[in-house]
Amino acid sequence: MALMITDACINCDVCEPACPNSAISPGEEYYVIDPARCTECVGHFDTPQCAQLCPVDCIPNDPDVVETREQLQEKYAVLIAAGIARPPGAL
């Protein structure tokens, strides 16, 4: 499952730089997550960094994008191969 950012977002800018897949960007009113790039940090961390760091807890699972851990791992491999995601350990 990909994550999403709700309208409770306060645009604090904590989530965007924390995303190793560059899946988060400013939207019209608040930050948005590109589900094609969101792996819930599978391949990078044990927990999604954006949700862990969010001060207002506005980053739940996206019920419209249901994926297994295996699918997220495959997406991670594609993003790494394409040079989109940061390799683990890279800042």
PDB file of N, CA and C in Angstrom:
ATOM      1  N   MET A   1       0.832  -1.168   0.000  1.00  0.00           N
ATOM      2  CA  MET A   1       0.000   0.000   0.000  1.00  0.00           C
ATOM      3  C   MET A   1       0.883   1.239   0.000  1.00  0.00           C
ATOM      4  N   ALA A   2       0.574   2.172  -0.820  1.00  0.00           N
ATOM      5  CA  ALA A   2       1.280   3.451  -0.795  1.00  0.00           C
ATOM      6  C   ALA A   2       0.688   4.294   0.336  1.00  0.00           C
ATOM      7  N   LEU A   3       1.348   5.366   0.635  1.00  0.00           N
ATOM      8  CA  LEU A   3       0.858   6.293   1.651  1.00  0.00           C
ATOM      9  C   LEU A   3       0.249   7.505   0.961  1.00  0.00           C
ATOM     10  N   MET A   4      -0.482   8.290   1.734  1.00  0.00           N
ATOM     11  CA  MET A   4      -1.064   9.524   1.226  1.00  0.00           C
ATOM     12  C   MET A   4      -0.964  10.588   2.315  1.00  0.00           C
ATOM     13  N   ILE A   5      -1.061  11.829   1.917  1.00  0.00           N
ATOM     14  CA  ILE A   5      -1.039  12.934   2.873  1.00  0.00           C
ATOM     15  C   ILE A   5      -2.429  13.558   2.874  1.00  0.00           C
ATOM     16  N   THR A   6      -3.002  13.715   4.049  1.00  0.00           N
ATOM     17  CA  THR A   6      -4.353  14.259   4.161  1.00  0.00           C
ATOM     18  C   THR A   6      -4.331  15.777   4.242  1.00  0.00           C
ATOM     19  N   ASP A   7      -5.520  16.365   4.199  1.00  0.00           N
ATOM     20  CA  ASP A   7      -5.627  17.819   4.264  1.00  0.00           C
ATOM     21  C   ASP A   7      -5.298  18.383   5.644  1.00  0.00           C
ATOM     22  N   ALA A   8      -4.951  17.517   6.592  1.00  0.00           N
ATOM     23  CA  ALA A   8      -4.488  17.986   7.899  1.00  0.00           C
ATOM     24  C   ALA A   8      -3.030  18.442   7.845  1.00  0.00           C
ATOM     25  N   CYS A   9      -2.374  18.253   6.703  1.00  0.00           N
ATOM     26  CA  CYS A   9      -0.975  18.645   6.505  1.00  0.00           C
ATOM     27  C   CYS A   9      -0.804  20.141   6.777  1.00  0.00           C
ATOM     28  N   ILE A  10       0.257  20.472   7.515  1.00  0.00           N
ATOM     29  CA  ILE A  10       0.542  21.877   7.840  1.00  0.00           C
ATOM     30  C   ILE A  10       1.711  22.419   7.017  1.00  0.00           C
ATOM     31  N   ASN A  11       2.129  21.671   5.990  1.00  0.00           N
ATOM     32  CA  ASN A  11       3.223  22.091   5.110  1.00  0.00           C
ATOM     33  C   ASN A  11       4.498  22.425   5.869  1.00  0.00           C
ATOM     34  N   CYS A  12       4.845  21.570   6.802  1.00  0.00           N
ATOM     35  CA  CYS A  12       6.032  21.819   7.631  1.00  0.00           C
ATOM     36  C   CYS A  12       7.329  21.476   6.906  1.00  0.00           C
ATOM     37  N   ASP A  13       7.244  20.711   5.812  1.00  0.00           N
ATOM     38  CA  ASP A  13       8.404  20.347   4.994  1.00  0.00           C
ATOM     39  C   ASP A  13       9.324  19.323   5.663  1.00  0.00           C
ATOM     40  N   VAL A  14       8.823  18.569   6.608  1.00  0.00           N
ATOM     41  CA  VAL A  14       9.641  17.537   7.249  1.00  0.00           C
ATOM     42  C   VAL A  14       9.665  16.272   6.399  1.00  0.00           C
ATOM     43  N   CYS A  15       8.559  15.956   5.748  1.00  0.00           N
ATOM     44  CA  CYS A  15       8.441  14.694   5.018  1.00  0.00           C
ATOM     45  C   CYS A  15       9.210  14.663   3.702  1.00  0.00           C
ATOM     46  N   GLU A  16       9.182  15.733   2.950  1.00  0.00           N
ATOM     47  CA  GLU A  16       9.766  15.725   1.603  1.00  0.00           C
ATOM     48  C   GLU A  16      11.240  15.301   1.580  1.00  0.00           C
ATOM     49  N   PRO A  17      12.115  15.919   2.365  1.00  0.00           N
ATOM     50  CA  PRO A  17      13.524  15.506   2.311  1.00  0.00           C
ATOM     51  C   PRO A  17      13.777  14.129   2.921  1.00  0.00           C
ATOM     52  N   ALA A  18      12.835  13.631   3.730  1.00  0.00           N
ATOM     53  CA  ALA A  18      13.008  12.323   4.367  1.00  0.00           C
ATOM     54  C   ALA A  18      12.710  11.166   3.418  1.00  0.00           C
ATOM     55  N   CYS A  19      12.026  11.447   2.305  1.00  0.00           N
ATOM     56  CA  CYS A  19      11.627  10.382   1.387  1.00  0.00           C
ATOM     57  C   CYS A  19      12.791   9.939   0.506  1.00  0.00           C
ATOM     58  N   PRO A  20      13.225   8.685   0.626  1.00  0.00           N
ATOM     59  CA  PRO A  20      14.352   8.209  -0.175  1.00  0.00           C
ATOM     60  C   PRO A  20      13.994   7.953  -1.638  1.00  0.00           C
ATOM     61  N   ASN A  21      12.708   8.004  -1.965  1.00  0.00           N
ATOM     62  CA  ASN A  21      12.253   7.732  -3.330  1.00  0.00           C
ATOM     63  C   ASN A  21      11.796   8.982  -4.070  1.00  0.00           C
ATOM     64  N   SER A  22      11.976  10.139  -3.471  1.00  0.00           N
ATOM     65  CA  SER A  22      11.513  11.403  -4.061  1.00  0.00           C
ATOM     66  C   SER A  22      10.039  11.324  -4.444  1.00  0.00           C
ATOM     67  N   ALA A  23       9.245  10.684  -3.591  1.00  0.00           N
ATOM     68  CA  ALA A  23       7.821  10.499  -3.867  1.00  0.00           C
ATOM     69  C   ALA A  23       6.972  11.657  -3.358  1.00  0.00           C
ATOM     70  N   ILE A  24       7.533  12.519  -2.540  1.00  0.00           N
ATOM     71  CA  ILE A  24       6.760  13.603  -1.918  1.00  0.00           C
ATOM     72  C   ILE A  24       7.134  14.933  -2.552  1.00  0.00           C
ATOM     73  N   SER A  25       6.102  15.700  -2.869  1.00  0.00           N
ATOM     74  CA  SER A  25       6.327  17.025  -3.465  1.00  0.00           C
ATOM     75  C   SER A  25       5.224  17.973  -3.010  1.00  0.00           C
ATOM     76  N   PRO A  26       5.470  19.287  -3.115  1.00  0.00           N
ATOM     77  CA  PRO A  26       4.434  20.247  -2.751  1.00  0.00           C
ATOM     78  C   PRO A  26       3.262  20.134  -3.726  1.00  0.00           C
ATOM     79  N   GLY A  27       2.062  20.113  -3.173  1.00  0.00           N
ATOM     80  CA  GLY A  27       0.859  20.115  -3.992  1.00  0.00           C
ATOM     81  C   GLY A  27       0.271  21.517  -4.012  1.00  0.00           C
ATOM     82  N   GLU A  28      -0.928  21.646  -4.522  1.00  0.00           N
ATOM     83  CA  GLU A  28      -1.564  22.965  -4.581  1.00  0.00           C
ATOM     84  C   GLU A  28      -1.834  23.535  -3.195  1.00  0.00           C
ATOM     85  N   GLU A  29      -2.303  22.678  -2.279  1.00  0.00           N
ATOM     86  CA  GLU A  29      -2.626  23.155  -0.927  1.00  0.00           C
ATOM     87  C   GLU A  29      -1.739  22.551   0.149  1.00  0.00           C
ATOM     88  N   TYR A  30      -1.290  21.324  -0.082  1.00  0.00           N
ATOM     89  CA  TYR A  30      -0.421  20.636   0.882  1.00  0.00           C
ATOM     90  C   TYR A  30       0.385  19.591   0.126  1.00  0.00           C
ATOM     91  N   TYR A  31       1.351  18.989   0.805  1.00  0.00           N
ATOM     92  CA  TYR A  31       2.223  18.010   0.165  1.00  0.00           C
ATOM     93  C   TYR A  31       1.430  16.806  -0.339  1.00  0.00           C
ATOM     94  N   VAL A  32       1.943  16.180  -1.390  1.00  0.00           N
ATOM     95  CA  VAL A  32       1.314  14.994  -1.968  1.00  0.00           C
ATOM     96  C   VAL A  32       2.368  13.903  -2.144  1.00  0.00           C
ATOM     97  N   ILE A  33       1.896  12.665  -2.194  1.00  0.00           N
ATOM     98  CA  ILE A  33       2.775  11.517  -2.399  1.00  0.00           C
ATOM     99  C   ILE A  33       2.419  10.866  -3.726  1.00  0.00           C
ATOM    100  N   ASP A  34       3.423  10.639  -4.559  1.00  0.00           N
ATOM    101  CA  ASP A  34       3.249   9.952  -5.832  1.00  0.00           C
ATOM    102  C   ASP A  34       3.230   8.454  -5.539  1.00  0.00           C
ATOM    103  N   PRO A  35       2.088   7.793  -5.694  1.00  0.00           N
ATOM    104  CA  PRO A  35       2.018   6.367  -5.361  1.00  0.00           C
ATOM    105  C   PRO A  35       2.911   5.496  -6.241  1.00  0.00           C
ATOM    106  N   ALA A  36       3.284   5.979  -7.410  1.00  0.00           N
ATOM    107  CA  ALA A  36       4.181   5.214  -8.281  1.00  0.00           C
ATOM    108  C   ALA A  36       5.598   5.167  -7.720  1.00  0.00           C
ATOM    109  N   ARG A  37       5.912   6.081  -6.812  1.00  0.00           N
ATOM    110  CA  ARG A  37       7.254   6.116  -6.206  1.00  0.00           C
ATOM    111  C   ARG A  37       7.264   5.713  -4.734  1.00  0.00           C
ATOM    112  N   CYS A  38       6.102   5.654  -4.119  1.00  0.00           N
ATOM    113  CA  CYS A  38       6.049   5.330  -2.686  1.00  0.00           C
ATOM    114  C   CYS A  38       6.171   3.829  -2.474  1.00  0.00           C
ATOM    115  N   THR A  39       7.166   3.438  -1.684  1.00  0.00           N
ATOM    116  CA  THR A  39       7.358   2.040  -1.307  1.00  0.00           C
ATOM    117  C   THR A  39       7.197   1.860   0.198  1.00  0.00           C
ATOM    118  N   GLU A  40       6.653   2.871   0.876  1.00  0.00           N
ATOM    119  CA  GLU A  40       6.573   2.869   2.338  1.00  0.00           C
ATOM    120  C   GLU A  40       7.954   2.648   2.946  1.00  0.00           C
ATOM    121  N   CYS A  41       8.972   3.075   2.237  1.00  0.00           N
ATOM    122  CA  CYS A  41      10.380   2.967   2.631  1.00  0.00           C
ATOM    123  C   CYS A  41      10.895   1.530   2.643  1.00  0.00           C
ATOM    124  N   VAL A  42      10.138   0.595   2.055  1.00  0.00           N
ATOM    125  CA  VAL A  42      10.632  -0.781   1.908  1.00  0.00           C
ATOM    126  C   VAL A  42      11.928  -0.713   1.103  1.00  0.00           C
ATOM    127  N   GLY A  43      12.933  -1.418   1.593  1.00  0.00           N
ATOM    128  CA  GLY A  43      14.246  -1.397   0.959  1.00  0.00           C
ATOM    129  C   GLY A  43      15.187  -0.387   1.591  1.00  0.00           C
ATOM    130  N   HIS A  44      14.617   0.569   2.309  1.00  0.00           N
ATOM    131  CA  HIS A  44      15.430   1.613   2.936  1.00  0.00           C
ATOM    132  C   HIS A  44      15.364   1.545   4.467  1.00  0.00           C
ATOM    133  N   PHE A  45      14.145   1.509   4.997  1.00  0.00           N
ATOM    134  CA  PHE A  45      13.934   1.575   6.443  1.00  0.00           C
ATOM    135  C   PHE A  45      12.856   0.576   6.860  1.00  0.00           C
ATOM    136  N   ASP A  46      12.774   0.315   8.152  1.00  0.00           N
ATOM    137  CA  ASP A  46      11.754  -0.595   8.676  1.00  0.00           C
ATOM    138  C   ASP A  46      10.374   0.051   8.727  1.00  0.00           C
ATOM    139  N   THR A  47      10.335   1.378   8.809  1.00  0.00           N
ATOM    140  CA  THR A  47       9.068   2.101   8.870  1.00  0.00           C
ATOM    141  C   THR A  47       9.111   3.288   7.910  1.00  0.00           C
ATOM    142  N   PRO A  48       7.954   3.705   7.410  1.00  0.00           N
ATOM    143  CA  PRO A  48       7.919   4.875   6.525  1.00  0.00           C
ATOM    144  C   PRO A  48       8.410   6.120   7.273  1.00  0.00           C
ATOM    145  N   GLN A  49       9.449   6.731   6.745  1.00  0.00           N
ATOM    146  CA  GLN A  49      10.057   7.869   7.418  1.00  0.00           C
ATOM    147  C   GLN A  49       9.137   9.081   7.472  1.00  0.00           C
ATOM    148  N   CYS A  50       8.389   9.329   6.404  1.00  0.00           N
ATOM    149  CA  CYS A  50       7.504  10.494   6.390  1.00  0.00           C
ATOM    150  C   CYS A  50       6.471  10.399   7.500  1.00  0.00           C
ATOM    151  N   ALA A  51       5.836   9.235   7.635  1.00  0.00           N
ATOM    152  CA  ALA A  51       4.809   9.054   8.665  1.00  0.00           C
ATOM    153  C   ALA A  51       5.422   9.120  10.061  1.00  0.00           C
ATOM    154  N   GLN A  52       6.620   8.594  10.203  1.00  0.00           N
ATOM    155  CA  GLN A  52       7.295   8.607  11.504  1.00  0.00           C
ATOM    156  C   GLN A  52       7.636  10.028  11.937  1.00  0.00           C
ATOM    157  N   LEU A  53       8.026  10.878  10.994  1.00  0.00           N
ATOM    158  CA  LEU A  53       8.462  12.235  11.308  1.00  0.00           C
ATOM    159  C   LEU A  53       7.336  13.266  11.338  1.00  0.00           C
ATOM    160  N   CYS A  54       6.195  12.947  10.751  1.00  0.00           N
ATOM    161  CA  CYS A  54       5.102  13.913  10.626  1.00  0.00           C
ATOM    162  C   CYS A  54       4.610  14.381  12.004  1.00  0.00           C
ATOM    163  N   PRO A  55       4.657  15.696  12.265  1.00  0.00           N
ATOM    164  CA  PRO A  55       4.241  16.191  13.580  1.00  0.00           C
ATOM    165  C   PRO A  55       2.726  16.212  13.793  1.00  0.00           C
ATOM    166  N   VAL A  56       1.936  16.084  12.726  1.00  0.00           N
ATOM    167  CA  VAL A  56       0.479  16.117  12.875  1.00  0.00           C
ATOM    168  C   VAL A  56      -0.181  14.787  12.491  1.00  0.00           C
ATOM    169  N   ASP A  57       0.620  13.757  12.256  1.00  0.00           N
ATOM    170  CA  ASP A  57       0.116  12.416  11.981  1.00  0.00           C
ATOM    171  C   ASP A  57      -0.929  12.412  10.859  1.00  0.00           C
ATOM    172  N   CYS A  58      -0.560  12.990   9.711  1.00  0.00           N
ATOM    173  CA  CYS A  58      -1.496  13.094   8.587  1.00  0.00           C
ATOM    174  C   CYS A  58      -1.095  12.245   7.386  1.00  0.00           C
ATOM    175  N   ILE A  59      -0.319  11.160   7.626  1.00  0.00           N
ATOM    176  CA  ILE A  59       0.146  10.331   6.522  1.00  0.00           C
ATOM    177  C   ILE A  59      -0.281   8.877   6.748  1.00  0.00           C
ATOM    178  N   PRO A  60      -1.522   8.563   6.392  1.00  0.00           N
ATOM    179  CA  PRO A  60      -2.017   7.184   6.520  1.00  0.00           C
ATOM    180  C   PRO A  60      -1.773   6.382   5.238  1.00  0.00           C
ATOM    181  N   ASN A  61      -2.141   5.107   5.278  1.00  0.00           N
ATOM    182  CA  ASN A  61      -2.117   4.284   4.068  1.00  0.00           C
ATOM    183  C   ASN A  61      -3.163   4.812   3.097  1.00  0.00           C
ATOM    184  N   ASP A  62      -2.860   4.722   1.820  1.00  0.00           N
ATOM    185  CA  ASP A  62      -3.792   5.134   0.770  1.00  0.00           C
ATOM    186  C   ASP A  62      -4.666   3.928   0.422  1.00  0.00           C
ATOM    187  N   PRO A  63      -5.949   3.957   0.760  1.00  0.00           N
ATOM    188  CA  PRO A  63      -6.809   2.796   0.497  1.00  0.00           C
ATOM    189  C   PRO A  63      -7.024   2.532  -0.995  1.00  0.00           C
ATOM    190  N   ASP A  64      -6.698   3.490  -1.849  1.00  0.00           N
ATOM    191  CA  ASP A  64      -6.859   3.323  -3.287  1.00  0.00           C
ATOM    192  C   ASP A  64      -5.655   2.671  -3.951  1.00  0.00           C
ATOM    193  N   VAL A  65      -4.568   2.504  -3.200  1.00  0.00           N
ATOM    194  CA  VAL A  65      -3.345   1.908  -3.764  1.00  0.00           C
ATOM    195  C   VAL A  65      -2.891   0.790  -2.832  1.00  0.00           C
ATOM    196  N   VAL A  66      -3.430  -0.393  -3.046  1.00  0.00           N
ATOM    197  CA  VAL A  66      -3.132  -1.543  -2.206  1.00  0.00           C
ATOM    198  C   VAL A  66      -2.024  -2.364  -2.856  1.00  0.00           C
ATOM    199  N   GLU A  67      -0.922  -2.561  -2.116  1.00  0.00           N
ATOM    200  CA  GLU A  67       0.226  -3.324  -2.608  1.00  0.00           C
ATOM    201  C   GLU A  67       0.756  -4.208  -1.488  1.00  0.00           C
ATOM    202  N   THR A  68       1.266  -5.363  -1.865  1.00  0.00           N
ATOM    203  CA  THR A  68       1.891  -6.256  -0.888  1.00  0.00           C
ATOM    204  C   THR A  68       3.320  -5.790  -0.627  1.00  0.00           C
ATOM    205  N   ARG A  69       3.910  -6.339   0.400  1.00  0.00           N
ATOM    206  CA  ARG A  69       5.315  -6.022   0.697  1.00  0.00           C
ATOM    207  C   ARG A  69       6.200  -6.457  -0.480  1.00  0.00           C
ATOM    208  N   GLU A  70       5.868  -7.565  -1.102  1.00  0.00           N
ATOM    209  CA  GLU A  70       6.636  -8.040  -2.254  1.00  0.00           C
ATOM    210  C   GLU A  70       6.531  -7.059  -3.417  1.00  0.00           C
ATOM    211  N   GLN A  71       5.348  -6.519  -3.653  1.00  0.00           N
ATOM    212  CA  GLN A  71       5.172  -5.540  -4.728  1.00  0.00           C
ATOM    213  C   GLN A  71       5.951  -4.259  -4.418  1.00  0.00           C
ATOM    214  N   LEU A  72       5.949  -3.862  -3.154  1.00  0.00           N
ATOM    215  CA  LEU A  72       6.706  -2.672  -2.759  1.00  0.00           C
ATOM    216  C   LEU A  72       8.203  -2.915  -2.948  1.00  0.00           C
ATOM    217  N   GLN A  73       8.665  -4.120  -2.640  1.00  0.00           N
ATOM    218  CA  GLN A  73      10.078  -4.462  -2.821  1.00  0.00           C
ATOM    219  C   GLN A  73      10.444  -4.426  -4.308  1.00  0.00           C
ATOM    220  N   GLU A  74       9.571  -4.925  -5.168  1.00  0.00           N
ATOM    221  CA  GLU A  74       9.813  -4.887  -6.613  1.00  0.00           C
ATOM    222  C   GLU A  74       9.855  -3.450  -7.119  1.00  0.00           C
ATOM    223  N   LYS A  75       8.942  -2.611  -6.617  1.00  0.00           N
ATOM    224  CA  LYS A  75       8.927  -1.205  -7.021  1.00  0.00           C
ATOM    225  C   LYS A  75      10.219  -0.524  -6.580  1.00  0.00           C
ATOM    226  N   TYR A  76      10.673  -0.830  -5.374  1.00  0.00           N
ATOM    227  CA  TYR A  76      11.938  -0.299  -4.864  1.00  0.00           C
ATOM    228  C   TYR A  76      13.092  -0.657  -5.804  1.00  0.00           C
ATOM    229  N   ALA A  77      13.150  -1.921  -6.248  1.00  0.00           N
ATOM    230  CA  ALA A  77      14.223  -2.361  -7.142  1.00  0.00           C
ATOM    231  C   ALA A  77      14.189  -1.596  -8.461  1.00  0.00           C
ATOM    232  N   VAL A  78      13.008  -1.349  -8.980  1.00  0.00           N
ATOM    233  CA  VAL A  78      12.866  -0.589 -10.231  1.00  0.00           C
ATOM    234  C   VAL A  78      13.328   0.853 -10.028  1.00  0.00           C
ATOM    235  N   LEU A  79      12.944   1.463  -8.915  1.00  0.00           N
ATOM    236  CA  LEU A  79      13.334   2.846  -8.632  1.00  0.00           C
ATOM    237  C   LEU A  79      14.844   2.977  -8.443  1.00  0.00           C
ATOM    238  N   ILE A  80      15.462   2.007  -7.794  1.00  0.00           N
ATOM    239  CA  ILE A  80      16.921   2.011  -7.617  1.00  0.00           C
ATOM    240  C   ILE A  80      17.601   1.874  -8.980  1.00  0.00           C
ATOM    241  N   ALA A  81      17.136   0.927  -9.793  1.00  0.00           N
ATOM    242  CA  ALA A  81      17.733   0.693 -11.108  1.00  0.00           C
ATOM    243  C   ALA A  81      17.603   1.917 -12.018  1.00  0.00           C
ATOM    244  N   ALA A  82      16.505   2.653 -11.863  1.00  0.00           N
ATOM    245  CA  ALA A  82      16.279   3.843 -12.690  1.00  0.00           C
ATOM    246  C   ALA A  82      17.008   5.070 -12.148  1.00  0.00           C
ATOM    247  N   GLY A  83      17.636   4.932 -10.971  1.00  0.00           N
ATOM    248  CA  GLY A  83      18.349   6.064 -10.382  1.00  0.00           C
ATOM    249  C   GLY A  83      17.431   7.084  -9.741  1.00  0.00           C
ATOM    250  N   ILE A  84      16.188   6.704  -9.489  1.00  0.00           N
ATOM    251  CA  ILE A  84      15.211   7.611  -8.870  1.00  0.00           C
ATOM    252  C   ILE A  84      15.344   7.585  -7.356  1.00  0.00           C
ATOM    253  N   ALA A  85      15.437   6.401  -6.793  1.00  0.00           N
ATOM    254  CA  ALA A  85      15.553   6.256  -5.340  1.00  0.00           C
ATOM    255  C   ALA A  85      17.015   6.345  -4.922  1.00  0.00           C
ATOM    256  N   ARG A  86      17.235   6.890  -3.725  1.00  0.00           N
ATOM    257  CA  ARG A  86      18.588   6.917  -3.165  1.00  0.00           C
ATOM    258  C   ARG A  86      18.946   5.520  -2.705  1.00  0.00           C
ATOM    259  N   PRO A  87      20.130   5.053  -2.983  1.00  0.00           N
ATOM    260  CA  PRO A  87      20.543   3.751  -2.449  1.00  0.00           C
ATOM    261  C   PRO A  87      20.556   3.808  -0.923  1.00  0.00           C
ATOM    262  N   PRO A  88      20.278   2.685  -0.259  1.00  0.00           N
ATOM    263  CA  PRO A  88      20.308   2.664   1.208  1.00  0.00           C
ATOM    264  C   PRO A  88      21.630   3.203   1.734  1.00  0.00           C
ATOM    265  N   GLY A  89      21.548   4.019   2.744  1.00  0.00           N
ATOM    266  CA  GLY A  89      22.734   4.603   3.347  1.00  0.00           C
ATOM    267  C   GLY A  89      23.173   5.909   2.732  1.00  0.00           C
ATOM    268  N   ALA A  90      22.623   6.261   1.566  1.00  0.00           N
ATOM    269  CA  ALA A  90      22.978   7.528   0.915  1.00  0.00           C
ATOM    270  C   ALA A  90      22.199   8.666   1.550  1.00  0.00           C
ATOM    271  N   LEU A  91      22.834   9.790   1.702  1.00  0.00           N
ATOM    272  CA  LEU A  91      22.146  10.951   2.286  1.00  0.00           C
ATOM    273  C   LEU A  91      21.563  11.824   1.213  1.00  0.00           C
TER     274      LEU A  91
END
